[in-house]
Protein backbone atom coordinates (compact mmCIF):
# COMPACT_ATOMS: atom_id res chain seq x y z
CA MET A 1 59.96 -64.19 -181.23
CA LYS A 2 60.72 -64.07 -177.64
CA LEU A 3 63.99 -62.31 -178.46
CA ILE A 4 62.16 -59.58 -180.61
CA LYS A 5 59.61 -59.11 -177.46
CA SER A 6 62.62 -58.89 -175.29
CA LEU A 7 64.23 -56.22 -177.16
CA LEU A 8 61.29 -54.14 -177.70
CA VAL A 9 60.44 -54.15 -174.11
CA ALA A 10 64.07 -53.27 -173.17
CA GLY A 11 63.91 -50.41 -175.80
CA CYS A 12 60.75 -48.94 -174.33
CA ALA A 13 62.08 -49.28 -170.87
CA PHE A 14 65.40 -47.50 -171.88
CA SER A 15 63.46 -44.67 -173.66
CA LEU A 16 61.30 -44.02 -170.69
CA LEU A 17 64.34 -43.77 -168.40
CA LEU A 18 66.21 -41.62 -170.80
CA SER A 19 63.52 -39.07 -171.54
CA PRO A 20 63.40 -37.28 -168.16
CA ALA A 21 67.31 -37.18 -168.07
CA LEU A 22 67.26 -35.35 -171.40
CA ALA A 23 64.58 -32.84 -170.11
CA VAL A 24 66.58 -31.79 -167.22
CA ASP A 25 69.72 -31.09 -169.37
CA LYS A 26 67.72 -28.83 -171.57
CA ALA A 27 65.90 -26.87 -168.63
CA ALA A 28 69.27 -26.50 -166.95
CA GLY A 29 71.06 -25.01 -170.14
CA LYS A 30 68.35 -22.25 -170.60
CA LYS A 31 68.73 -19.20 -168.40
CA THR A 32 66.04 -16.61 -167.66
CA CYS A 33 66.40 -12.83 -168.18
CA CYS A 34 66.94 -12.22 -164.52
CA GLN A 35 69.49 -14.98 -164.05
CA GLU A 36 71.48 -13.39 -166.92
CA ALA A 37 71.26 -9.96 -165.63
CA ALA A 38 72.22 -11.17 -162.05
CA GLU A 39 75.41 -12.91 -163.77
CA LYS A 40 76.24 -9.60 -165.19
CA GLY A 41 75.71 -7.99 -161.51
CA LYS A 42 72.84 -6.07 -162.75
CA GLU A 43 69.12 -5.99 -162.19
CA CYS A 44 66.61 -7.13 -165.04
CA ARG A 45 65.41 -4.29 -167.05
CA HIS A 46 62.24 -6.00 -168.37
CA LYS A 47 58.97 -4.08 -167.55
CA CYS A 48 57.29 -7.16 -166.23
CA CYS A 49 60.11 -8.17 -164.15
CA VAL A 50 60.58 -4.84 -162.71
CA ALA A 51 56.98 -4.39 -161.86
CA ALA A 52 56.75 -7.92 -160.18
CA HIS A 53 59.91 -7.24 -158.20
CA LYS A 54 58.50 -3.90 -156.91
CA GLU A 55 55.62 -6.02 -155.42
CA SER A 56 58.16 -8.62 -154.09
CA LYS A 57 56.75 -11.12 -156.53
CA SER A 58 58.01 -13.37 -159.46
CA CYS A 59 57.26 -12.49 -163.10
CA GLU A 60 55.28 -15.40 -164.15
CA LYS A 61 55.98 -14.88 -167.99
CA CYS A 62 59.83 -14.79 -167.77
CA ASN A 63 60.24 -16.90 -164.78
CA PRO A 64 57.70 -19.96 -164.47
CA GLY A 65 59.66 -21.72 -161.77
CA LYS A 66 60.16 -18.42 -159.62
CA GLU A 67 64.03 -18.46 -160.46
CA ASP A 68 64.14 -14.65 -159.63
CA LEU A 69 63.02 -14.91 -156.42
CA LYS A 70 65.76 -17.50 -155.54
CA LEU A 71 68.25 -15.02 -156.96
CA LYS A 72 66.88 -12.50 -154.49
CA LYS A 73 66.99 -14.69 -151.52
CA GLY A 74 70.50 -15.54 -152.53
CA ASP A 75 71.59 -11.86 -152.54
CA LYS A 76 70.14 -11.22 -149.10
CA ARG A 77 72.31 -14.30 -147.54
CA THR A 78 75.55 -12.77 -149.16
CA ALA A 79 74.60 -9.28 -147.93
CA LYS A 80 74.35 -10.63 -144.30
CA ALA A 81 77.57 -12.67 -144.65
CA VAL A 82 79.49 -9.58 -145.59
């Protein structure tokens, strides 16, 4: 009986440790529309993104983690370096 309980506890602990690692991999694989456009060297053409970028804001619908603002900051750094 102790063996079964030990295996159950080990299995639960393993699943708790593994779940955040899997969630990070899924989030890292998906790119936003602004990130895809930046890879092509273009600006995002979605109406919501264009309107938000004009106001120097992030489009909450397409970029919930404000990834598009991170791209804009990266562009300014490369422009100053050149």
